Protein backbone atom coordinates (compact mmCIF):
# COMPACT_ATOMS: atom_id res chain seq x y z
CA UNK A 1 -56.87 41.20 -53.59
CA UNK A 2 -60.65 40.75 -53.78
CA UNK A 3 -61.93 37.20 -54.15
CA UNK A 4 -65.42 36.77 -55.62
CA UNK A 5 -67.32 33.57 -56.37
CA UNK A 6 -70.82 32.92 -57.66
CA UNK A 7 -72.16 29.56 -56.46
CA UNK A 8 -75.57 28.35 -57.50
CA UNK A 9 -77.67 25.74 -55.72
CA UNK A 10 -80.02 23.57 -57.74
CA UNK A 11 -83.04 22.44 -55.77
CA UNK A 12 -85.22 19.59 -57.02
CA UNK A 13 -88.60 18.93 -55.37
CA UNK A 14 -90.67 15.76 -55.72
CA UNK A 15 -94.14 15.32 -54.20
CA UNK A 16 -96.06 12.06 -53.99
CA UNK A 17 -99.10 11.30 -51.81
CA UNK A 18 -98.37 13.65 -48.94
CA UNK A 19 -94.58 13.28 -48.95
CA UNK A 20 -92.29 15.91 -50.42
CA UNK A 21 -88.62 15.16 -51.05
CA UNK A 22 -85.99 17.75 -51.86
CA UNK A 23 -82.52 17.31 -53.30
CA UNK A 24 -80.15 20.29 -53.19
CA UNK A 25 -76.95 20.33 -55.27
CA UNK A 26 -74.10 22.84 -54.96
CA UNK A 27 -71.23 22.60 -57.45
CA UNK A 28 -67.99 23.86 -55.95
CA UNK A 29 -65.25 23.48 -58.50
CA UNK A 30 -64.73 19.83 -59.31
CA UNK A 31 -66.94 18.67 -56.43
CA UNK A 32 -70.69 18.63 -55.88
CA UNK A 33 -72.14 18.84 -52.37
CA UNK A 34 -75.66 17.49 -51.96
CA UNK A 35 -78.34 17.73 -49.32
CA UNK A 36 -81.55 15.79 -48.78
CA UNK A 37 -84.77 16.82 -47.11
CA UNK A 38 -88.18 15.22 -46.56
CA UNK A 39 -91.53 16.54 -45.35
CA UNK A 40 -94.55 14.36 -44.63
CA UNK A 41 -98.06 15.71 -44.37
CA UNK A 42 -100.14 14.55 -41.47
CA UNK A 43 -103.17 12.77 -43.00
CA UNK A 44 -105.46 14.97 -40.88
CA UNK A 45 -103.97 18.25 -42.21
CA UNK A 46 -105.13 20.11 -45.29
CA UNK A 47 -103.13 19.44 -48.45
CA UNK A 48 -101.05 22.60 -48.98
CA UNK A 49 -98.13 21.56 -51.22
CA UNK A 50 -96.24 24.83 -50.68
CA UNK A 51 -95.72 24.01 -47.01
CA UNK A 52 -94.24 20.60 -47.87
CA UNK A 53 -91.98 22.28 -50.45
CA UNK A 54 -90.76 24.82 -47.89
CA UNK A 55 -90.08 22.22 -45.21
CA UNK A 56 -88.35 19.73 -47.52
CA UNK A 57 -86.31 22.47 -49.23
CA UNK A 58 -85.27 23.99 -45.91
CA UNK A 59 -84.21 20.59 -44.60
CA UNK A 60 -82.24 19.85 -47.78
CA UNK A 61 -80.49 23.21 -47.58
CA UNK A 62 -79.71 22.60 -43.89
CA UNK A 63 -78.26 19.18 -44.74
CA UNK A 64 -76.18 20.76 -47.51
CA UNK A 65 -74.94 23.47 -45.10
CA UNK A 66 -73.85 20.88 -42.52
CA UNK A 67 -71.94 18.96 -45.17
CA UNK A 68 -70.31 22.14 -46.55
CA UNK A 69 -69.18 23.11 -43.04
CA UNK A 70 -67.70 19.63 -42.65
CA UNK A 71 -65.74 20.05 -45.87
CA UNK A 72 -64.44 23.41 -44.64
CA UNK A 73 -63.45 21.87 -41.29
CA UNK A 74 -61.54 19.09 -43.06
CA UNK A 75 -59.80 21.65 -45.29
CA UNK A 76 -58.80 23.75 -42.26
CA UNK A 77 -57.42 20.69 -40.50
CA UNK A 78 -55.51 19.77 -43.68
CA UNK A 79 -53.69 23.08 -43.89
CA UNK A 80 -53.16 23.29 -40.13
CA UNK A 81 -51.22 20.03 -39.90
CA UNK A 82 -47.45 20.38 -39.82
CA UNK A 83 -45.75 19.40 -43.06
CA UNK A 84 -43.32 16.48 -43.50
């Protein structure tokens, strides 16, 4: 039987004085997995907000991925344990 899911990630970006913060949220059923990312502009670099967005978003998505893999690992261990 084919199993299909459609998960959507919400990504929120906040920029303030050379620092961009990203917050990624993935709803999986009754649980939400979140990831955080930050990018700081070197004061000597040009102000190009898109680069901060890309770095912070990528870091938030990476954090979310690590957490999602941890959840999967815990689930695998839970079903692999012998029953009572």
